[in-house]
Amino acid sequence: MIRFVFLITYVFLVALVSGREVNHTPEVLKIWNKEQHLYTKGSLPLSEASLVQLEGWLDRNAKNWTIVLLRNARGESWTNPQGRSYSGMDAVENLLGRGLGNHPGFSSQLSSGTELRNGAVFVLFLEERKFSYFGSDAYDKYGLGESNWRGNLDAPAIRAMRGGGRIIDAVKDTVTSIDRKLTSAVERERLQATQRVQAKAYALKATYARVERVRENIELLNEEVKPMLKNSATKQGDLARPEFKYWASSLENAKSALDLKNVEYAQRLTKKIQREVAGHREKVQDWYSDANVLAELSQALAETNRVESNDVGSQFRAEALSQLATAQKEYGVANSVYTTHLQAAQASLRSLARSNTLAKHDLAMRVKKQADEARLKRQARIAILVSLGATFLFITIYSYRR
């Protein structure tokens, strides 16, 4: 009895460490367990020792993998729960891809990095010279499922078999290659997730700081418009009355959003208010400095004189004076629209300068033309006198000789 129990135990252990041999692949579905990774069918050019070593390697390095090595797929058949029948390699592939995939034990295998199902199957058909592969959710998520098997993930297996029919290497290299890619993808995703968390934390802190900087700029703007508010002429102008209440309310909304970790909304709102405050401050600072600009423009127009026959220049000068007058009026009541008229006046002044330059050039050309014409007339008169003198001299000499 003891010998019988020992014999049964020995047979079981040998099968467990070397690979379970089956007559037909549907048996795999019946006897599958997570401790057994290697299943074989038919005569394979592999020693018992190599199968033992392979099972041990799988147990150490690929606990979630099921490896099925077949001499061939002849005689294979399988009918799925819906009643559809398959034969040959189709039977093996559907059985191990769909049938085993629904096995409670197989589907309960989870990746420690993703908590997704990570059961995987590699099948080798020796005589048919074909490989099949099936990966669960963890592999599919990172582009390592069976849709990427042919022409991509199958490269290590093809390389091993073409390099001398190395079945063991085909298994190990395939498992190692795919799992290495999976590990890299998971690590990359984890790193990206960490970076996103860090970026959000940085953005949260930076946006809190931005809110405070905007508040400081609002205080500076408040000080800058105080002189305008003290002046009865300028206190009603839009430059003297920034949107202080709206800005303060918006910043409070942004801070509340930050307290709720809604960084994106707070960023958009804070940046919007920051642009508005900065823009208004720039307009106010320009208003203070543009007093000199208006004075200089007025002086420049006063010094311009109408160039002779330059009607276009006169029009530009009139337009510049009109725009300047409007700019001075709006500036005097601190309305930002003054800048539009100021720029128009400056543009008209530049056009006037170009027009005057062209007019002066035309005048110079007319003077030169008149001088050239007078010179040509003098030269013509001299030529006539010389001709008459030569004729008279010829007649005199001719008469003398006769």
Protein backbone atom coordinates (compact mmCIF):
# COMPACT_ATOMS: atom_id res chain seq x y z
CA MET A 1 0.00 0.00 0.00
CA ILE A 2 2.78 2.36 0.92
CA ARG A 3 4.56 1.58 -2.34
CA PHE A 4 1.37 2.26 -4.26
CA VAL A 5 0.88 5.67 -2.61
CA PHE A 6 4.53 6.52 -3.22
CA LEU A 7 4.21 5.52 -6.85
CA ILE A 8 1.10 7.65 -7.34
CA THR A 9 2.77 10.63 -5.63
CA TYR A 10 5.90 10.21 -7.72
CA VAL A 11 3.94 10.08 -10.95
CA PHE A 12 2.00 13.20 -9.94
CA LEU A 13 5.14 15.13 -9.02
CA VAL A 14 6.90 14.15 -12.24
CA ALA A 15 3.90 15.27 -14.23
CA LEU A 16 3.74 18.53 -12.25
CA VAL A 17 7.38 19.44 -12.75
CA SER A 18 7.82 18.20 -16.30
CA GLY A 19 4.53 19.02 -17.99
CA ARG A 20 1.23 17.23 -18.25
CA GLU A 21 0.91 15.11 -21.37
CA VAL A 22 -2.54 14.99 -22.95
CA ASN A 23 -4.00 12.97 -25.79
CA HIS A 24 -6.28 15.78 -26.94
CA THR A 25 -6.25 19.46 -26.05
CA PRO A 26 -9.78 19.51 -24.54
CA GLU A 27 -8.14 17.62 -21.66
CA VAL A 28 -6.17 20.78 -20.89
CA LEU A 29 -9.40 22.57 -20.12
CA LYS A 30 -10.43 19.81 -17.74
CA ILE A 31 -7.15 19.38 -15.84
CA TRP A 32 -5.85 22.96 -15.95
CA ASN A 33 -4.61 24.44 -12.68
CA LYS A 34 -2.53 27.51 -11.94
CA GLU A 35 0.39 25.46 -10.60
CA GLN A 36 0.82 23.59 -13.88
CA HIS A 37 2.17 25.72 -16.73
CA LEU A 38 3.30 23.19 -19.37
CA TYR A 39 1.15 20.78 -21.36
CA THR A 40 2.30 18.55 -24.21
CA LYS A 41 0.68 16.37 -26.83
CA GLY A 42 2.40 13.79 -29.00
CA SER A 43 6.05 12.93 -29.46
CA LEU A 44 8.28 15.99 -29.23
CA PRO A 45 12.07 16.21 -29.78
CA LEU A 46 12.54 17.18 -26.13
CA SER A 47 14.02 15.19 -23.27
CA GLU A 48 12.25 14.71 -19.97
CA ALA A 49 14.97 16.77 -18.31
CA SER A 50 14.41 19.70 -20.65
CA LEU A 51 10.67 19.60 -19.95
CA VAL A 52 11.35 19.54 -16.21
CA GLN A 53 13.68 22.53 -16.56
CA LEU A 54 11.14 24.40 -18.67
CA GLU A 55 8.33 23.82 -16.15
CA GLY A 56 10.63 25.03 -13.39
CA TRP A 57 11.57 28.11 -15.39
CA LEU A 58 7.90 28.90 -16.03
CA ASP A 59 7.11 28.45 -12.36
CA ARG A 60 9.78 30.96 -11.43
CA ASN A 61 9.36 33.47 -14.25
CA ALA A 62 5.93 33.08 -15.85
CA LYS A 63 3.35 31.91 -13.33
CA ASN A 64 0.54 33.41 -15.38
CA TRP A 65 1.49 31.60 -18.61
CA THR A 66 0.11 28.36 -19.99
CA ILE A 67 2.30 26.66 -22.60
CA VAL A 68 0.90 23.97 -24.89
CA LEU A 69 3.31 22.11 -27.19
CA LEU A 70 1.76 19.85 -29.82
CA ARG A 71 3.31 17.49 -32.30
CA ASN A 72 0.37 18.27 -34.57
CA ALA A 73 -3.32 19.19 -34.51
CA ARG A 74 -4.59 16.08 -36.23
CA GLY A 75 -7.69 14.59 -34.64
CA GLU A 76 -8.42 17.73 -32.61
CA SER A 77 -12.03 18.84 -32.25
CA TRP A 78 -13.97 21.06 -29.88
CA THR A 79 -17.53 22.34 -29.59
CA ASN A 80 -18.03 25.63 -27.76
CA PRO A 81 -20.90 26.25 -25.28
CA GLN A 82 -22.94 27.83 -28.09
CA GLY A 83 -22.81 24.58 -30.05
CA ARG A 84 -20.33 25.61 -32.72
CA SER A 85 -17.81 22.92 -33.65
CA TYR A 86 -14.17 23.33 -34.66
CA SER A 87 -11.50 20.91 -35.85
CA GLY A 88 -7.72 20.82 -36.28
CA MET A 89 -5.77 23.94 -35.36
CA ASP A 90 -9.01 25.95 -35.21
CA ALA A 91 -10.24 23.64 -32.47
CA VAL A 92 -7.03 24.07 -30.47
CA GLU A 93 -6.95 27.84 -30.88
CA ASN A 94 -10.62 28.37 -29.99
CA LEU A 95 -10.39 25.98 -27.05
CA LEU A 96 -7.30 27.65 -25.57
CA GLY A 97 -8.22 31.19 -26.59
CA ARG A 98 -11.91 31.30 -25.69
CA GLY A 99 -12.55 28.16 -23.67
CA LEU A 100 -9.56 28.45 -21.34
CA GLY A 101 -10.02 32.21 -21.19
CA ASN A 102 -13.38 31.63 -19.47
CA HIS A 103 -11.99 29.08 -17.02
CA PRO A 104 -12.57 30.49 -13.48
CA GLY A 105 -9.03 29.73 -12.34
CA PHE A 106 -7.39 31.06 -15.49
CA SER A 107 -9.42 34.26 -15.51
CA SER A 108 -8.72 34.87 -11.82
CA GLN A 109 -5.01 35.45 -12.49
CA LEU A 110 -4.35 39.15 -11.96
CA SER A 111 -1.38 41.37 -12.64
CA SER A 112 0.09 42.82 -9.45
CA GLY A 113 0.92 46.04 -11.31
CA THR A 114 -2.48 46.68 -12.89
CA GLU A 115 -4.96 44.36 -11.14
CA LEU A 116 -6.10 43.32 -14.61
CA ARG A 117 -6.48 39.73 -15.77
CA ASN A 118 -3.07 38.62 -17.05
CA GLY A 119 -3.43 34.98 -18.05
CA ALA A 120 -1.53 34.23 -21.27
CA VAL A 121 -1.28 31.19 -23.55
CA PHE A 122 1.44 30.18 -26.01
CA VAL A 123 0.79 27.28 -28.39
CA LEU A 124 3.32 25.62 -30.70
CA PHE A 125 2.24 23.31 -33.54
CA LEU A 126 5.46 21.52 -34.46
CA GLU A 127 4.52 19.82 -37.70
CA GLU A 128 2.30 22.67 -38.90
CA ARG A 129 5.11 25.12 -38.10
CA LYS A 130 2.72 27.54 -36.51
CA PHE A 131 2.46 29.46 -33.25
CA SER A 132 -0.57 30.90 -31.51
CA TYR A 133 -0.83 33.32 -28.63
CA PHE A 134 -3.62 34.65 -26.46
CA GLY A 135 -3.29 37.41 -23.86
CA SER A 136 -5.79 38.63 -21.29
CA ASP A 137 -6.81 42.20 -20.44
CA ALA A 138 -3.44 43.32 -19.06
CA TYR A 139 -1.77 42.47 -22.37
CA ASP A 140 -4.57 43.88 -24.52
CA LYS A 141 -4.49 47.21 -22.69
CA TYR A 142 -0.88 47.82 -23.68
CA GLY A 143 -1.09 46.62 -27.28
CA LEU A 144 0.30 43.18 -26.50
CA GLY A 145 -2.77 41.09 -27.33
CA GLU A 146 -3.19 38.51 -30.06
CA SER A 147 -4.03 41.21 -32.63
CA ASN A 148 -0.36 42.17 -32.51
CA TRP A 149 0.97 38.63 -32.49
CA ARG A 150 1.61 37.89 -36.14
CA GLY A 151 4.44 39.92 -37.62
CA ASN A 152 5.32 41.50 -34.29
CA LEU A 153 5.20 39.58 -31.04
CA ASP A 154 5.88 36.26 -32.78
CA ALA A 155 9.38 37.34 -33.85
CA PRO A 156 11.30 35.64 -30.97
CA ALA A 157 9.54 32.30 -31.58
CA ILE A 158 10.21 32.44 -35.32
CA ARG A 159 13.83 33.31 -34.71
CA ALA A 160 14.33 30.38 -32.31
CA MET A 161 12.67 27.81 -34.57
CA ARG A 162 14.49 28.97 -37.67
CA GLY A 163 17.74 28.84 -35.74
CA GLY A 164 17.69 25.10 -35.29
CA GLY A 165 14.20 24.23 -34.09
CA ARG A 166 14.91 25.41 -30.56
CA ILE A 167 11.49 24.78 -29.00
CA ILE A 168 12.56 25.63 -25.43
CA ASP A 169 14.04 28.94 -26.60
CA ALA A 170 10.92 29.68 -28.62
CA VAL A 171 8.89 29.41 -25.42
CA LYS A 172 11.29 31.29 -23.15
CA ASP A 173 12.10 34.04 -25.63
CA THR A 174 8.43 34.64 -26.41
CA VAL A 175 7.40 34.81 -22.77
CA THR A 176 10.39 36.97 -21.83
CA SER A 177 9.90 39.37 -24.74
CA ILE A 178 6.17 39.92 -24.22
CA ASP A 179 6.42 40.18 -20.42
CA ARG A 180 9.34 42.58 -20.68
CA LYS A 181 7.25 44.79 -22.96
CA LEU A 182 4.35 44.56 -20.53
CA THR A 183 6.57 45.47 -17.57
CA SER A 184 7.99 48.45 -19.48
CA ALA A 185 4.51 49.63 -20.46
CA VAL A 186 3.22 49.33 -16.88
CA GLU A 187 6.27 51.14 -15.50
CA ARG A 188 5.91 53.84 -18.15
CA GLU A 189 2.25 54.27 -17.26
CA ARG A 190 3.07 54.37 -13.55
CA LEU A 191 5.77 56.96 -14.17
CA GLN A 192 3.40 59.04 -16.27
CA ALA A 193 0.74 58.79 -13.57
CA THR A 194 3.28 59.93 -10.97
CA GLN A 195 4.35 62.78 -13.20
CA ARG A 196 0.72 63.80 -13.69
CA VAL A 197 0.17 63.82 -9.94
CA GLN A 198 3.33 65.86 -9.43
CA ALA A 199 2.42 68.22 -12.25
CA LYS A 200 -1.04 68.74 -10.79
CA ALA A 201 0.43 69.38 -7.33
CA TYR A 202 2.86 71.88 -8.84
CA ALA A 203 0.07 73.50 -10.86
CA LEU A 204 -2.06 73.73 -7.71
CA LYS A 205 0.71 75.45 -5.78
CA ALA A 206 1.63 77.68 -8.72
CA THR A 207 -1.99 78.76 -9.25
CA TYR A 208 -2.41 79.64 -5.57
CA ALA A 209 0.70 81.81 -5.97
CA ARG A 210 -0.66 83.30 -9.20
CA VAL A 211 -3.87 84.31 -7.41
CA GLU A 212 -1.82 86.19 -4.83
CA ARG A 213 0.30 87.91 -7.49
CA VAL A 214 -2.83 89.05 -9.31
CA ARG A 215 -4.20 90.45 -6.06
CA GLU A 216 -0.95 92.35 -5.56
CA ASN A 217 -1.20 93.77 -9.10
CA ILE A 218 -4.77 94.82 -8.42
CA GLU A 219 -3.57 96.71 -5.34
CA LEU A 220 -0.87 98.40 -7.41
CA LEU A 221 -3.45 99.37 -10.02
CA ASN A 222 -5.69 100.74 -7.28
CA GLU A 223 -2.84 103.05 -6.21
CA GLU A 224 -2.15 104.07 -9.81
CA VAL A 225 -5.70 105.24 -10.51
CA LYS A 226 -6.11 107.22 -7.29
CA PRO A 227 -4.81 110.49 -8.85
CA MET A 228 -7.40 110.08 -11.63
CA LEU A 229 -10.21 109.61 -9.11
CA LYS A 230 -9.21 112.79 -7.30
CA ASN A 231 -9.55 114.81 -10.52
CA SER A 232 -13.12 115.80 -11.37
CA ALA A 233 -12.36 115.68 -15.11
CA THR A 234 -10.88 112.19 -15.15
CA LYS A 235 -12.66 110.36 -12.33
CA GLN A 236 -15.49 109.11 -14.60
CA GLY A 237 -13.21 107.81 -17.34
CA ASP A 238 -12.99 104.06 -17.94
CA LEU A 239 -9.25 104.14 -17.19
CA ALA A 240 -10.01 105.49 -13.70
CA ARG A 241 -12.58 102.78 -13.00
CA PRO A 242 -11.15 99.25 -13.43
CA GLU A 243 -13.34 96.17 -12.79
CA PHE A 244 -12.15 95.78 -9.21
CA LYS A 245 -15.30 94.06 -7.89
CA TYR A 246 -15.49 91.60 -10.77
CA TRP A 247 -11.80 90.75 -10.46
CA ALA A 248 -12.02 90.23 -6.69
CA SER A 249 -15.05 87.97 -7.10
CA SER A 250 -13.35 85.98 -9.86
CA LEU A 251 -10.24 85.44 -7.76
CA GLU A 252 -12.38 84.15 -4.89
CA ASN A 253 -14.01 81.72 -7.31
CA ALA A 254 -10.59 80.61 -8.49
CA LYS A 255 -9.42 80.06 -4.91
CA SER A 256 -12.54 78.04 -4.12
CA ALA A 257 -11.90 75.90 -7.20
CA LEU A 258 -8.33 75.31 -6.03
CA ASP A 259 -9.59 74.25 -2.61
CA LEU A 260 -11.65 71.63 -4.46
CA LYS A 261 -8.58 70.62 -6.52
CA ASN A 262 -10.20 71.90 -9.72
CA VAL A 263 -6.88 73.20 -10.99
CA GLU A 264 -7.76 73.51 -14.69
CA TYR A 265 -10.74 75.83 -14.11
CA ALA A 266 -8.83 77.90 -11.56
CA GLN A 267 -5.90 78.28 -13.96
CA ARG A 268 -8.10 79.47 -16.81
CA LEU A 269 -9.94 81.97 -14.63
CA THR A 270 -6.83 83.29 -12.91
CA LYS A 271 -4.93 83.72 -16.18
CA LYS A 272 -7.89 85.59 -17.65
CA ILE A 273 -8.02 88.03 -14.72
CA GLN A 274 -4.23 88.36 -14.80
CA ARG A 275 -4.34 89.39 -18.47
CA GLU A 276 -7.12 91.90 -17.83
CA VAL A 277 -5.36 93.49 -14.84
CA ALA A 278 -2.02 93.65 -16.67
CA GLY A 279 -3.70 95.15 -19.71
CA HIS A 280 -5.45 97.84 -17.66
CA ARG A 281 -2.26 98.68 -15.78
CA GLU A 282 -0.43 99.10 -19.08
CA LYS A 283 -3.15 101.45 -20.36
CA VAL A 284 -3.01 103.52 -17.16
CA GLN A 285 0.78 103.77 -17.30
CA ASP A 286 0.56 104.76 -20.97
CA TRP A 287 -1.99 107.43 -20.04
CA TYR A 288 0.46 109.04 -17.65
CA SER A 289 3.30 109.01 -20.22
CA ASP A 290 1.13 109.99 -23.21
CA ALA A 291 0.75 113.53 -21.92
CA ASN A 292 4.22 114.18 -23.33
CA VAL A 293 3.39 112.29 -26.52
CA LEU A 294 0.35 114.50 -27.14
CA ALA A 295 2.36 117.64 -26.46
CA GLU A 296 5.13 116.56 -28.84
CA LEU A 297 2.62 115.68 -31.53
CA SER A 298 0.91 119.03 -31.19
CA GLN A 299 4.28 120.78 -31.48
CA ALA A 300 5.23 118.74 -34.55
CA LEU A 301 2.00 119.65 -36.32
CA ALA A 302 2.43 123.32 -35.43
CA GLU A 303 5.87 123.29 -37.05
CA THR A 304 4.70 121.72 -40.31
CA ASN A 305 4.19 124.13 -43.18
CA ARG A 306 2.22 123.52 -46.32
CA VAL A 307 4.51 122.71 -49.19
CA GLU A 308 3.79 124.58 -52.42
CA SER A 309 1.06 122.90 -54.54
CA ASN A 310 0.82 119.99 -52.07
CA ASP A 311 -2.92 119.65 -51.65
CA VAL A 312 -2.59 116.03 -50.47
CA GLY A 313 -0.28 117.15 -47.66
CA SER A 314 -2.84 119.71 -46.59
CA GLN A 315 -5.45 116.98 -46.29
CA PHE A 316 -3.13 114.86 -44.13
CA ARG A 317 -2.38 117.83 -41.90
CA ALA A 318 -6.07 118.60 -41.46
CA GLU A 319 -6.80 114.97 -40.60
CA ALA A 320 -3.92 114.87 -38.09
CA LEU A 321 -5.15 118.05 -36.39
CA SER A 322 -8.71 116.67 -36.18
CA GLN A 323 -7.58 113.33 -34.70
CA LEU A 324 -5.26 115.12 -32.28
CA ALA A 325 -8.08 117.33 -31.04
CA THR A 326 -10.29 114.29 -30.39
CA ALA A 327 -7.41 112.46 -28.70
CA GLN A 328 -6.78 115.43 -26.39
CA LYS A 329 -10.46 115.62 -25.51
CA GLU A 330 -10.75 111.92 -24.64
CA TYR A 331 -7.42 111.96 -22.86
CA GLY A 332 -8.62 114.81 -20.71
CA VAL A 333 -11.44 112.66 -19.33
CA ALA A 334 -9.31 109.50 -19.04
CA ASN A 335 -11.15 107.52 -21.68
CA SER A 336 -9.00 104.78 -23.19
CA VAL A 337 -10.40 105.49 -26.67
CA TYR A 338 -7.99 108.43 -26.85
CA THR A 339 -5.26 106.01 -27.95
CA THR A 340 -7.17 105.20 -31.15
CA HIS A 341 -7.29 108.87 -32.14
CA LEU A 342 -3.69 109.43 -31.03
CA GLN A 343 -2.49 106.61 -33.27
CA ALA A 344 -4.59 107.96 -36.16
CA ALA A 345 -3.06 111.43 -35.68
CA GLN A 346 0.44 109.96 -35.64
CA ALA A 347 -0.30 108.01 -38.82
CA SER A 348 -1.58 111.16 -40.56
CA LEU A 349 1.54 113.04 -39.43
CA ARG A 350 3.74 110.34 -40.95
CA SER A 351 1.74 110.52 -44.17
CA LEU A 352 2.11 114.29 -44.14
CA ALA A 353 5.88 113.96 -43.74
CA ARG A 354 6.06 111.54 -46.66
CA SER A 355 3.86 113.81 -48.74
CA ASN A 356 6.01 116.84 -47.95
CA THR A 357 9.14 114.91 -48.81
CA LEU A 358 7.66 113.96 -52.18
CA ALA A 359 6.50 117.54 -52.74
CA LYS A 360 9.96 118.91 -51.98
CA HIS A 361 11.44 116.38 -54.35
CA ASP A 362 8.98 117.41 -57.07
CA LEU A 363 9.81 121.08 -56.50
CA ALA A 364 13.53 120.37 -56.71
CA MET A 365 12.98 118.46 -59.93
CA ARG A 366 10.98 121.36 -61.43
CA VAL A 367 13.69 123.85 -60.49
CA LYS A 368 16.34 121.61 -62.00
CA LYS A 369 14.28 121.20 -65.16
CA GLN A 370 13.88 124.97 -65.52
CA ALA A 371 17.61 125.46 -64.99
CA ASP A 372 18.39 122.78 -67.56
CA GLU A 373 16.01 124.39 -70.07
CA ALA A 374 17.60 127.86 -69.53
CA ARG A 375 21.08 126.36 -69.98
CA LEU A 376 20.05 124.66 -73.21
CA LYS A 377 18.58 127.93 -74.52
CA ARG A 378 21.83 129.78 -73.78
CA GLN A 379 23.83 127.09 -75.49
CA ALA A 380 21.52 127.30 -78.52
CA ARG A 381 21.95 131.10 -78.76
CA ILE A 382 25.73 130.76 -78.53
CA ALA A 383 25.69 128.11 -81.20
CA ILE A 384 23.69 130.39 -83.50
CA LEU A 385 26.09 133.32 -82.93
CA VAL A 386 29.09 131.10 -83.62
CA SER A 387 27.48 129.84 -86.80
CA LEU A 388 26.71 133.38 -87.99
CA GLY A 389 30.27 134.50 -87.19
CA ALA A 390 31.74 131.58 -89.14
CA THR A 391 29.49 132.34 -92.12
CA PHE A 392 30.47 136.02 -92.11
CA LEU A 393 34.14 135.13 -91.91
CA PHE A 394 33.80 132.70 -94.81
CA ILE A 395 32.06 135.32 -96.98
CA THR A 396 34.70 137.94 -96.16
CA ILE A 397 37.59 135.64 -97.05
CA TYR A 398 35.88 134.50 -100.22
CA SER A 399 35.26 138.12 -101.35
CA TYR A 400 38.87 139.08 -100.66
CA ARG A 401 40.29 136.31 -102.80
CA ARG A 402 38.14 137.30 -105.73
